[in-house]
Protein backbone atom coordinates (compact mmCIF):
# COMPACT_ATOMS: atom_id res chain seq x y z
CA MET A 1 -13.79 26.47 -46.52
CA ASN A 2 -10.45 28.20 -47.01
CA VAL A 3 -11.20 28.97 -50.65
CA LEU A 4 -14.63 30.34 -49.80
CA TRP A 5 -13.16 32.51 -47.06
CA ALA A 6 -10.52 33.82 -49.43
CA ILE A 7 -13.09 34.67 -52.08
CA VAL A 8 -15.24 36.51 -49.56
CA VAL A 9 -12.28 38.53 -48.34
CA GLY A 10 -11.32 39.15 -51.95
CA PHE A 11 -14.68 40.80 -52.56
CA THR A 12 -14.12 42.91 -49.47
CA LEU A 13 -10.90 44.20 -50.99
CA VAL A 14 -12.87 45.88 -53.78
CA GLY A 15 -13.70 48.72 -51.43
CA LEU A 16 -10.17 48.91 -49.99
CA SER A 17 -7.93 51.76 -51.09
CA HIS A 18 -4.76 50.92 -52.99
CA GLN A 19 -2.72 52.67 -50.32
CA GLN A 20 -4.22 50.57 -47.51
CA ALA A 21 -3.50 47.33 -49.36
CA GLU A 22 0.08 48.34 -50.18
CA HIS A 23 0.80 49.20 -46.56
CA CYS A 24 -0.12 45.66 -45.54
CA LEU A 25 1.39 43.86 -48.54
CA PRO A 26 5.14 43.09 -48.54
CA THR A 27 7.02 44.76 -51.41
CA GLU A 28 8.22 41.40 -52.76
CA TYR A 29 4.61 40.24 -53.18
CA SER A 30 3.38 43.35 -54.97
CA SER A 31 4.31 41.98 -58.40
CA HIS A 32 2.15 38.89 -57.79
CA ASN A 33 -1.60 38.63 -57.77
CA CYS A 34 -1.73 39.26 -54.03
CA SER A 35 -3.78 41.48 -51.76
CA CYS A 36 -3.73 42.24 -48.06
CA ILE A 37 -6.26 43.41 -45.53
CA SER A 38 -6.04 43.52 -41.75
CA ASN A 39 -2.67 41.76 -41.88
CA ASP A 40 -4.10 38.80 -43.85
CA ILE A 41 -2.34 38.21 -47.19
CA LEU A 42 -4.20 36.49 -50.04
CA CYS A 43 -2.58 35.34 -53.29
CA GLU A 44 -4.50 33.84 -56.20
CA GLY A 45 -3.42 32.18 -59.42
CA ILE A 46 0.32 32.29 -58.77
CA VAL A 47 3.18 29.93 -59.70
CA THR A 48 5.92 31.02 -57.28
CA LEU A 49 6.45 33.68 -54.63
CA ALA A 50 9.44 35.98 -54.36
CA ILE A 51 11.60 35.31 -51.30
CA LEU A 52 11.30 38.02 -48.64
CA ASN A 53 14.47 40.06 -48.07
CA ASN A 54 13.49 41.15 -44.56
CA PRO A 55 11.36 39.65 -41.78
CA VAL A 56 7.63 40.11 -42.33
CA VAL A 57 5.06 39.50 -39.58
CA ARG A 58 1.41 39.04 -40.55
CA ASN A 59 -1.65 37.18 -39.28
CA SER A 60 -1.92 34.77 -42.19
CA LEU A 61 -0.96 33.96 -45.77
CA THR A 62 -3.49 32.16 -47.96
CA ILE A 63 -2.64 30.94 -51.46
CA PHE A 64 -5.64 29.64 -53.38
CA ASN A 65 -6.76 28.81 -56.90
CA SER A 66 -3.17 28.20 -57.98
CA PRO A 67 -3.08 24.79 -59.72
CA HIS A 68 0.46 25.39 -61.08
CA LEU A 69 1.93 26.43 -57.73
CA ASN A 70 5.53 25.42 -57.13
CA LEU A 71 7.27 25.93 -53.80
CA PRO A 72 11.07 25.86 -54.16
CA ASN A 73 13.51 26.01 -51.26
CA TYR A 74 13.19 28.98 -48.88
CA THR A 75 9.94 30.21 -50.46
CA PHE A 76 8.72 31.40 -47.06
CA ASN A 77 12.02 32.49 -45.55
CA ASN A 78 11.62 35.53 -43.24
CA LEU A 79 7.83 35.05 -43.05
CA ASN A 80 6.19 34.97 -39.62
CA VAL A 81 2.46 34.15 -39.64
CA SER A 82 0.03 32.38 -37.35
CA ARG A 83 -1.47 30.47 -40.27
CA LEU A 84 -0.19 29.45 -43.70
CA ALA A 85 -2.98 28.03 -45.90
CA LEU A 86 -1.95 26.22 -49.08
CA ALA A 87 -5.18 24.24 -49.51
CA ASN A 88 -6.87 23.44 -52.81
CA ASN A 89 -3.92 24.09 -55.10
CA SER A 90 -3.32 20.60 -56.59
CA LEU A 91 0.08 20.46 -54.90
CA GLY A 92 1.97 17.23 -55.56
CA ASP A 93 4.92 15.72 -53.72
CA ASP A 94 7.42 17.24 -56.15
CA ASP A 95 6.02 20.75 -55.72
CA ILE A 96 7.31 21.05 -52.14
CA GLN A 97 11.09 20.95 -51.69
CA ILE A 98 12.94 19.84 -48.55
CA ASN A 99 13.70 23.44 -47.52
CA THR A 100 10.46 25.03 -48.72
CA PHE A 101 9.50 25.90 -45.14
CA SER A 102 13.01 26.71 -43.88
CA GLY A 103 13.06 30.14 -42.29
CA LEU A 104 9.27 30.11 -41.84
CA ILE A 105 7.68 30.79 -38.48
CA VAL A 106 4.11 29.49 -38.40
CA LYS A 107 1.76 27.91 -35.89
CA ASP A 108 -0.73 26.24 -38.25
CA LEU A 109 0.09 24.82 -41.70
CA ASP A 110 -2.84 23.84 -43.93
CA LEU A 111 -1.97 21.51 -46.82
CA SER A 112 -5.46 20.04 -47.22
CA ASN A 113 -7.17 19.08 -50.46
CA ASN A 114 -4.10 18.75 -52.66
CA GLN A 115 -2.46 15.79 -54.46
CA LEU A 116 0.08 14.76 -51.81
CA THR A 117 0.75 11.07 -51.23
CA HIS A 118 2.67 11.52 -47.95
CA ILE A 119 3.40 14.15 -45.32
CA PRO A 120 6.06 16.44 -46.86
CA GLU A 121 9.43 16.08 -45.18
CA ALA A 122 9.71 19.85 -45.42
CA VAL A 123 7.40 20.27 -42.39
CA VAL A 124 10.24 19.19 -40.07
CA ASN A 125 11.91 22.52 -40.85
CA VAL A 126 9.01 24.49 -39.38
CA VAL A 127 10.17 25.55 -35.94
CA ASP A 128 7.67 24.82 -33.15
CA ILE A 129 4.79 23.84 -35.44
CA LYS A 130 1.49 23.55 -33.56
CA GLY A 131 -1.04 22.55 -36.21
CA LEU A 132 -0.93 20.52 -39.43
CA SER A 133 -3.70 19.52 -41.84
CA VAL A 134 -3.19 16.99 -44.64
CA SER A 135 -6.88 16.10 -45.07
CA GLY A 136 -8.20 15.47 -48.56
CA ASN A 137 -4.89 14.32 -50.05
CA ARG A 138 -4.12 10.99 -51.72
CA ILE A 139 -2.36 9.73 -48.60
CA THR A 140 -3.23 6.07 -48.05
CA ASN A 141 -1.28 5.51 -44.83
CA PHE A 142 1.46 6.96 -42.61
CA GLN A 143 3.77 3.93 -42.66
CA ASN A 144 6.54 5.83 -44.47
CA ASP A 145 5.94 9.05 -42.49
CA ALA A 146 6.79 7.73 -39.03
CA GLU A 147 10.13 9.57 -38.79
CA ILE A 148 8.57 12.84 -39.89
CA MET A 149 5.76 12.43 -37.36
CA LYS A 150 8.27 11.72 -34.60
CA LYS A 151 10.21 14.91 -35.38
CA ILE A 152 7.19 17.22 -35.25
CA GLY A 153 5.41 15.29 -32.49
CA ASN A 154 7.11 17.15 -29.64
CA THR A 155 5.30 20.39 -30.55
CA LEU A 156 2.22 19.35 -32.58
CA LEU A 157 -1.10 20.07 -30.86
CA ARG A 158 -3.55 19.91 -33.79
CA PHE A 159 -3.69 17.36 -36.63
CA SER A 160 -6.19 16.72 -39.44
CA PHE A 161 -6.16 13.84 -41.90
CA GLY A 162 -8.42 11.60 -43.93
CA ASP A 163 -9.47 10.86 -47.49
CA SER A 164 -11.55 8.23 -49.27
CA ASN A 165 -8.29 6.61 -50.41
CA PHE A 166 -6.96 6.15 -46.89
CA GLN A 167 -6.48 2.61 -45.62
CA VAL A 168 -9.40 0.99 -43.82
CA THR A 169 -7.40 0.37 -40.64
CA TRP A 170 -6.73 3.01 -38.02
CA PRO A 171 -3.16 4.48 -38.25
CA THR A 172 -1.08 3.50 -35.24
CA GLU A 173 1.50 6.18 -36.15
CA LEU A 174 -0.66 8.79 -34.39
CA LYS A 175 1.06 7.64 -31.19
CA PHE A 176 4.01 9.83 -32.24
CA PHE A 177 1.94 12.92 -31.33
CA PRO A 178 2.07 12.69 -27.50
CA ARG A 179 0.92 16.30 -26.96
CA LEU A 180 -2.03 16.22 -29.36
CA GLU A 181 -5.01 18.27 -28.17
CA GLU A 182 -7.17 18.35 -31.33
CA LEU A 183 -7.69 15.55 -33.87
CA ASN A 184 -9.85 15.89 -36.99
CA VAL A 185 -10.53 12.79 -39.09
CA THR A 186 -12.78 13.10 -42.13
CA ARG A 187 -13.74 11.11 -45.22
CA ALA A 188 -11.86 8.02 -44.08
CA PRO A 189 -13.26 4.52 -44.79
CA PHE A 190 -12.84 3.16 -41.25
CA SER A 191 -15.50 0.70 -40.14
CA LEU A 192 -13.79 -0.22 -36.87
CA MET A 193 -11.61 1.65 -34.40
CA PRO A 194 -9.38 -0.26 -31.94
CA ILE A 195 -9.83 0.26 -28.22
CA ASP A 196 -6.32 1.76 -28.05
CA ALA A 197 -6.82 4.08 -31.05
CA PHE A 198 -5.69 7.11 -29.03
CA TYR A 199 -2.73 5.46 -27.37
CA GLY A 200 -0.02 8.04 -26.67
CA PHE A 201 -2.32 11.04 -26.33
CA GLU A 202 -5.32 9.75 -24.37
CA ARG A 203 -4.64 12.23 -21.55
CA THR A 204 -4.00 15.27 -23.76
CA LEU A 205 -6.77 15.14 -26.39
CA LYS A 206 -9.45 17.76 -25.77
CA LYS A 207 -11.26 18.10 -29.11
CA LEU A 208 -12.10 15.19 -31.41
CA SER A 209 -13.89 15.24 -34.76
CA ILE A 210 -14.70 11.97 -36.56
CA THR A 211 -16.83 12.61 -39.66
CA GLN A 212 -17.80 10.89 -42.92
CA THR A 213 -16.56 7.42 -42.02
CA ASN A 214 -17.96 3.88 -42.29
CA LEU A 215 -18.00 3.36 -38.54
CA LYS A 216 -20.97 1.30 -37.41
CA SER A 217 -21.02 2.38 -33.77
CA VAL A 218 -19.62 4.88 -31.31
CA PRO A 219 -16.08 3.54 -30.71
CA LEU A 220 -15.34 2.27 -27.21
CA ALA A 221 -11.99 4.04 -27.55
CA PHE A 222 -13.83 7.32 -26.82
CA GLY A 223 -14.23 6.11 -23.22
CA ARG A 224 -10.48 6.43 -22.66
CA LEU A 225 -10.36 10.15 -23.48
CA ASN A 226 -10.69 11.37 -19.91
CA TYR A 227 -10.04 15.04 -20.69
CA LEU A 228 -12.11 15.39 -23.85
CA THR A 229 -14.22 18.58 -23.90
CA GLU A 230 -15.67 18.48 -27.45
CA LEU A 231 -16.82 15.54 -29.57
CA HIS A 232 -17.98 15.94 -33.17
CA PHE A 233 -19.28 12.62 -34.50
CA ASP A 234 -21.11 13.68 -37.66
CA HIS A 235 -22.12 12.27 -41.05
CA ASN A 236 -21.53 8.65 -40.07
CA PRO A 237 -24.70 7.13 -41.57
CA GLU A 238 -23.81 3.50 -40.72
CA VAL A 239 -24.11 4.21 -36.98
CA GLY A 240 -27.86 4.61 -36.50
CA ASP A 241 -29.72 3.97 -33.24
CA PHE A 242 -28.10 0.59 -32.67
CA GLY A 243 -24.60 2.03 -33.01
CA MET A 244 -25.34 4.51 -30.25
CA ASN A 245 -25.89 1.74 -27.71
CA VAL A 246 -22.38 1.46 -26.29
CA PRO A 247 -21.54 0.60 -22.66
CA LEU A 248 -19.80 3.80 -21.57
CA VAL A 249 -19.39 4.14 -17.81
CA GLN A 250 -21.08 7.04 -16.03
CA GLY A 251 -18.69 9.75 -14.86
CA ILE A 252 -15.62 8.81 -16.93
CA LEU A 253 -16.04 11.44 -19.68
CA LYS A 254 -16.80 14.12 -17.14
CA HIS A 255 -15.25 17.03 -19.04
CA ILE A 256 -17.31 16.85 -22.27
CA GLY A 257 -19.38 19.99 -22.67
CA LEU A 258 -20.23 19.84 -26.40
CA ILE A 259 -21.37 16.90 -28.54
CA THR A 260 -22.55 16.96 -32.15
CA LEU A 261 -24.24 13.89 -33.67
CA LYS A 262 -25.37 15.33 -36.99
CA ASP A 263 -26.53 13.11 -39.83
CA ASP A 264 -25.82 9.80 -38.06
CA ASN A 265 -29.10 8.14 -39.10
CA ILE A 266 -30.52 8.48 -35.57
CA THR A 267 -34.29 8.30 -35.01
CA THR A 268 -34.44 8.64 -31.19
CA PHE A 269 -32.49 10.47 -28.50
CA PRO A 270 -29.59 8.14 -27.55
CA GLN A 271 -29.62 6.96 -23.94
CA ILE A 272 -25.83 7.32 -23.97
CA LEU A 273 -26.23 11.08 -23.65
CA GLY A 274 -27.19 10.61 -20.02
CA LYS A 275 -23.64 9.45 -19.29
CA PHE A 276 -22.18 12.91 -19.78
CA ASP A 277 -22.77 14.80 -16.55
CA ASN A 278 -21.41 18.15 -17.77
CA LEU A 279 -22.87 18.17 -21.29
CA THR A 280 -24.22 21.68 -22.02
CA LYS A 281 -24.34 21.88 -25.84
CA LEU A 282 -25.90 19.20 -28.04
CA ASP A 283 -26.43 19.22 -31.82
CA MET A 284 -28.45 16.36 -33.34
CA GLY A 285 -29.45 18.08 -36.56
CA GLU A 286 -29.93 16.36 -39.92
CA ASN A 287 -31.28 13.14 -38.38
CA LEU A 288 -34.72 11.63 -39.02
CA LEU A 289 -36.02 11.83 -35.46
CA LYS A 290 -39.28 9.96 -34.96
CA PHE A 291 -39.71 11.07 -31.37
CA VAL A 292 -37.87 12.36 -28.31
CA SER A 293 -38.58 10.08 -25.36
CA ASP A 294 -39.29 11.53 -21.93
CA GLN A 295 -36.71 9.21 -20.38
CA SER A 296 -33.94 10.40 -22.72
CA ALA A 297 -34.77 14.05 -22.15
CA LYS A 298 -34.79 13.65 -18.37
CA SER A 299 -31.35 12.04 -18.43
CA ILE A 300 -29.84 15.14 -20.03
CA LYS A 301 -29.64 17.31 -16.95
CA ARG A 302 -27.52 20.34 -17.87
CA VAL A 303 -27.92 21.00 -21.60
CA THR A 304 -28.39 24.71 -22.29
CA SER A 305 -28.10 24.65 -26.09
CA LEU A 306 -29.92 22.11 -28.29
CA SER A 307 -30.13 21.84 -32.08
CA LEU A 308 -32.62 19.58 -33.83
CA ARG A 309 -32.27 21.40 -37.13
CA ASN A 310 -33.55 19.57 -40.21
CA SER A 311 -34.62 16.51 -38.23
CA ASN A 312 -38.02 15.61 -39.70
CA ILE A 313 -39.92 17.09 -36.72
CA SER A 314 -43.57 17.96 -37.28
CA ARG A 315 -44.22 19.59 -33.91
CA ILE A 316 -42.22 20.80 -30.93
CA PRO A 317 -41.37 17.63 -28.97
CA GLY A 318 -43.22 17.47 -25.66
CA ALA A 319 -40.24 15.79 -24.00
CA LEU A 320 -38.29 19.04 -24.26
CA GLN A 321 -40.34 20.23 -21.29
CA ASP A 322 -38.09 18.05 -19.13
CA MET A 323 -34.95 19.84 -20.34
CA LYS A 324 -35.58 22.84 -18.12
CA THR A 325 -32.01 24.15 -18.34
CA LEU A 326 -32.37 24.98 -22.07
CA LYS A 327 -31.42 28.51 -23.06
CA GLU A 328 -31.15 28.03 -26.84
CA ILE A 329 -33.21 25.80 -29.13
CA ASP A 330 -32.71 25.44 -32.89
CA LEU A 331 -35.71 23.75 -34.53
CA SER A 332 -35.20 25.28 -37.96
CA VAL A 333 -35.82 23.52 -41.28
CA ASN A 334 -38.47 21.12 -39.97
CA GLY A 335 -42.18 20.61 -40.60
CA ILE A 336 -43.59 22.45 -37.56
CA HIS A 337 -46.95 24.05 -38.35
CA SER A 338 -47.86 25.54 -34.98
CA ILE A 339 -46.69 26.56 -31.52
CA GLN A 340 -49.27 25.62 -28.92
CA ARG A 341 -49.60 27.21 -25.50
CA GLN A 342 -48.06 24.24 -23.67
CA ASP A 343 -45.14 23.65 -26.03
CA LEU A 344 -42.71 25.97 -24.23
CA GLU A 345 -44.36 26.64 -20.87
CA ASN A 346 -41.80 24.74 -18.75
CA LEU A 347 -38.77 26.18 -20.55
CA THR A 348 -38.54 29.23 -18.33
CA ASN A 349 -34.80 29.73 -18.96
CA LEU A 350 -35.17 29.94 -22.74
CA GLU A 351 -33.38 32.93 -24.28
CA THR A 352 -33.22 32.12 -28.01
CA LEU A 353 -35.77 30.24 -30.12
CA ASN A 354 -35.02 29.44 -33.78
CA LEU A 355 -37.95 28.26 -35.89
CA ASN A 356 -36.70 29.48 -39.26
CA ASP A 357 -37.83 27.62 -42.39
CA ASN A 358 -40.82 25.89 -40.85
CA PRO A 359 -44.33 26.03 -42.40
CA LEU A 360 -45.66 27.92 -39.37
CA GLN A 361 -49.29 28.94 -39.69
CA TYR A 362 -50.34 29.41 -36.07
CA ILE A 363 -48.75 30.64 -32.85
CA SER A 364 -50.87 30.67 -29.71
CA ASP A 365 -51.27 34.09 -28.07
CA ASN A 366 -49.96 32.49 -24.86
CA ALA A 367 -47.07 30.54 -26.43
CA PHE A 368 -44.48 32.78 -24.75
CA LYS A 369 -46.40 33.50 -21.54
CA MET A 370 -43.85 31.71 -19.33
CA SER A 371 -40.83 32.76 -21.39
CA LYS A 372 -39.60 35.49 -19.07
CA LYS A 373 -36.03 35.39 -20.42
CA LEU A 374 -36.73 34.97 -24.13
CA SER A 375 -35.04 37.81 -26.02
CA ARG A 376 -34.62 36.48 -29.57
CA VAL A 377 -37.26 34.72 -31.66
CA GLU A 378 -36.32 33.73 -35.22
CA LEU A 379 -39.26 33.07 -37.55
CA CYS A 380 -37.66 33.57 -40.96
CA ASN A 381 -39.14 32.02 -44.10
CA THR A 382 -42.28 30.64 -42.50
CA GLU A 383 -45.87 31.06 -43.67
CA LEU A 384 -46.74 33.77 -41.15
CA LYS A 385 -48.64 36.73 -42.56
CA ALA A 386 -48.83 38.77 -39.36
CA VAL A 387 -46.67 39.65 -36.38
CA PRO A 388 -47.57 37.01 -33.75
CA CYS A 389 -49.62 38.35 -30.84
CA ALA A 390 -47.62 36.02 -28.58
CA ILE A 391 -44.69 38.42 -28.47
CA LYS A 392 -46.70 40.70 -26.16
CA ASN A 393 -45.75 38.32 -23.36
CA LEU A 394 -42.03 38.88 -23.80
CA PRO A 395 -40.17 40.89 -21.11
CA LEU A 396 -39.61 44.08 -23.10
CA ARG A 397 -39.19 46.18 -19.96
CA ASP A 398 -36.16 44.21 -18.82
CA MET A 399 -34.19 43.52 -22.02
CA ASN A 400 -33.82 44.13 -25.73
CA ILE A 401 -36.12 41.92 -27.80
CA THR A 402 -35.46 40.83 -31.40
CA ILE A 403 -38.14 39.25 -33.57
CA ASP A 404 -36.84 38.11 -36.96
CA LEU A 405 -39.60 37.80 -39.57
CA THR A 406 -37.36 38.03 -42.62
CA GLY A 407 -38.77 36.25 -45.67
CA ASN A 408 -42.42 36.37 -44.56
CA THR A 409 -45.36 38.14 -46.19
CA ILE A 410 -46.19 40.50 -43.32
CA GLU A 411 -49.05 42.87 -44.00
CA CYS A 412 -48.20 46.30 -42.58
CA THR A 413 -51.44 48.14 -41.84
CA CYS A 414 -52.93 49.97 -38.90
CA SER A 415 -54.03 46.59 -37.57
CA LEU A 416 -50.49 46.45 -36.12
CA GLN A 417 -51.19 49.45 -33.90
CA TRP A 418 -51.34 47.08 -30.91
CA LEU A 419 -47.66 46.48 -31.51
CA TYR A 420 -46.88 50.15 -31.09
CA GLN A 421 -48.99 50.36 -27.95
CA TRP A 422 -47.14 47.41 -26.46
CA GLY A 423 -43.74 48.58 -27.58
CA SER A 424 -44.01 52.15 -26.35
CA ARG A 425 -46.64 52.29 -23.65
CA ASP A 426 -44.05 53.02 -20.97
CA VAL A 427 -42.61 56.24 -22.39
CA ALA A 428 -40.34 56.83 -19.42
CA SER A 429 -38.35 53.69 -20.13
CA ASN A 430 -38.32 54.12 -23.94
CA ARG A 431 -39.55 50.58 -24.42
CA ASN A 432 -39.93 51.07 -28.16
CA GLN A 433 -36.15 51.37 -28.36
CA HIS A 434 -35.84 47.91 -26.86
CA LEU A 435 -37.79 46.22 -29.68
CA SER A 436 -36.22 45.22 -32.99
CA ILE A 437 -38.41 43.60 -35.66
CA LEU A 438 -36.58 42.36 -38.76
CA GLY A 439 -38.26 41.83 -42.11
CA LYS A 440 -40.09 43.71 -44.86
CA CYS A 441 -43.69 44.74 -45.34
CA LEU A 442 -45.79 43.16 -48.07
CA THR A 443 -48.31 45.97 -48.41
CA ILE A 444 -45.92 48.94 -48.45
CA GLU A 445 -42.33 49.68 -49.46
CA SER A 446 -40.91 49.65 -45.97
CA THR A 447 -39.25 47.47 -43.39
CA ILE A 448 -41.41 46.37 -40.48
CA GLN A 449 -39.14 48.32 -38.14
CA GLU A 450 -39.55 51.55 -40.14
CA TYR A 451 -43.30 51.07 -40.21
CA PHE A 452 -43.26 50.52 -36.46
CA ASP A 453 -41.11 53.60 -35.78
CA LYS A 454 -42.70 56.09 -38.20
CA THR A 455 -46.24 55.10 -39.15
CA LEU A 456 -47.98 53.14 -36.42
CA LYS A 457 -47.95 56.08 -34.01
CA ASP A 458 -50.40 57.90 -36.29
CA CYS A 459 -52.87 55.00 -36.45
CA PRO A 460 -56.02 54.96 -34.26
CA ASN A 461 -55.25 53.22 -30.96
CA SER A 462 -58.35 51.06 -31.13
CA TYR A 463 -56.79 48.00 -32.72
CA LEU A 464 -56.43 44.80 -30.76
CA CYS A 465 -54.11 41.99 -31.70
CA VAL A 466 -55.92 39.25 -33.56
CA ASN A 467 -54.13 36.20 -34.96
CA VAL A 468 -55.55 35.26 -38.35
């Protein structure tokens, strides 16, 4: 992710003037392959950095694509940044010296995806460090890092670790982080997690991410995280439906508002979701859902945002009608062929509907009749050939409406004149300015919006909307 972000920003720098970049870039870095934009410094393909002579304050420093990078003592002296990213540089233990980070002021230090075999002792010289990532390194355990973890534990709030080479037992050394608020564990071969896995920070942890493990069930240890607000339990294919059946007590995890259960080999809505009274955002994408039971849907009382993206769904689940609090639904990348009149009629609070990348061929004229708050409908890359007549039921008078038809073969002819009549019939309120239709015409070199704004007004006003 860091490398991709750096490359994207690097492309942005192409249009940046040399003077703008120099103003942001410290003089000592100008001789290196470094650039700077909006107080974010990026360096690529370097071996060492010159030591700064005077204090420099920036948002971040990212060094990427530097496989021969060496970080001698005081490399970052006088540097003050919120984030220092040294990920994906093949850094080994010998490339970071004891005083490499001496004189550095940083909140988050990213050492992920390198060749480290232990947490560098140099991190103890970072004053008031808040976040540390050592994910994707060849670290097998923290048994020899206990003293280092103790020294940074008084300030550390965020920690990330995990690799396929890590030991199969949960590291007890995490107890040395008594203030930890965010924990990210990925690509670790755990199959079991002890009930006291979060001992030492059970009352401080707010965000937990456990991904790409060999866990076979939702750990009971989660039930001890009384103040957890976000849980990401993704890409754990050994869990399945059976692994979701854990005896969590109602009302204990009362602060969780967001849960993601992506790619966990789930085929039905887990009953466990009914235990979380304040759950508002749920992502169950990338599972092979066979059905959504009415009982499961009814137990989820407050969810406003639901994603079932890429979940083997062939039609809009009828059980969603019981989730009347929904404001956002993502049903993209499924096998949905149609939207029937009754599919959404009870979802009167719906504001955003995402049906991108479905083989949609039919949308009932009355599909959105009860959708009085729906303001964004995404229908990208479907098999639609016309603007759906159903949008005439959307509340254009009261809000701005966006219909995204990008990637469809929409025929722009005077048969769309009904769209202009609907979009501009109330001239006093300029309703046509409230409608945005994204996508391109098949029959003419124009966007649908341009055709709507410039051409449809000259068409005969005798065309009615007819779904083909």
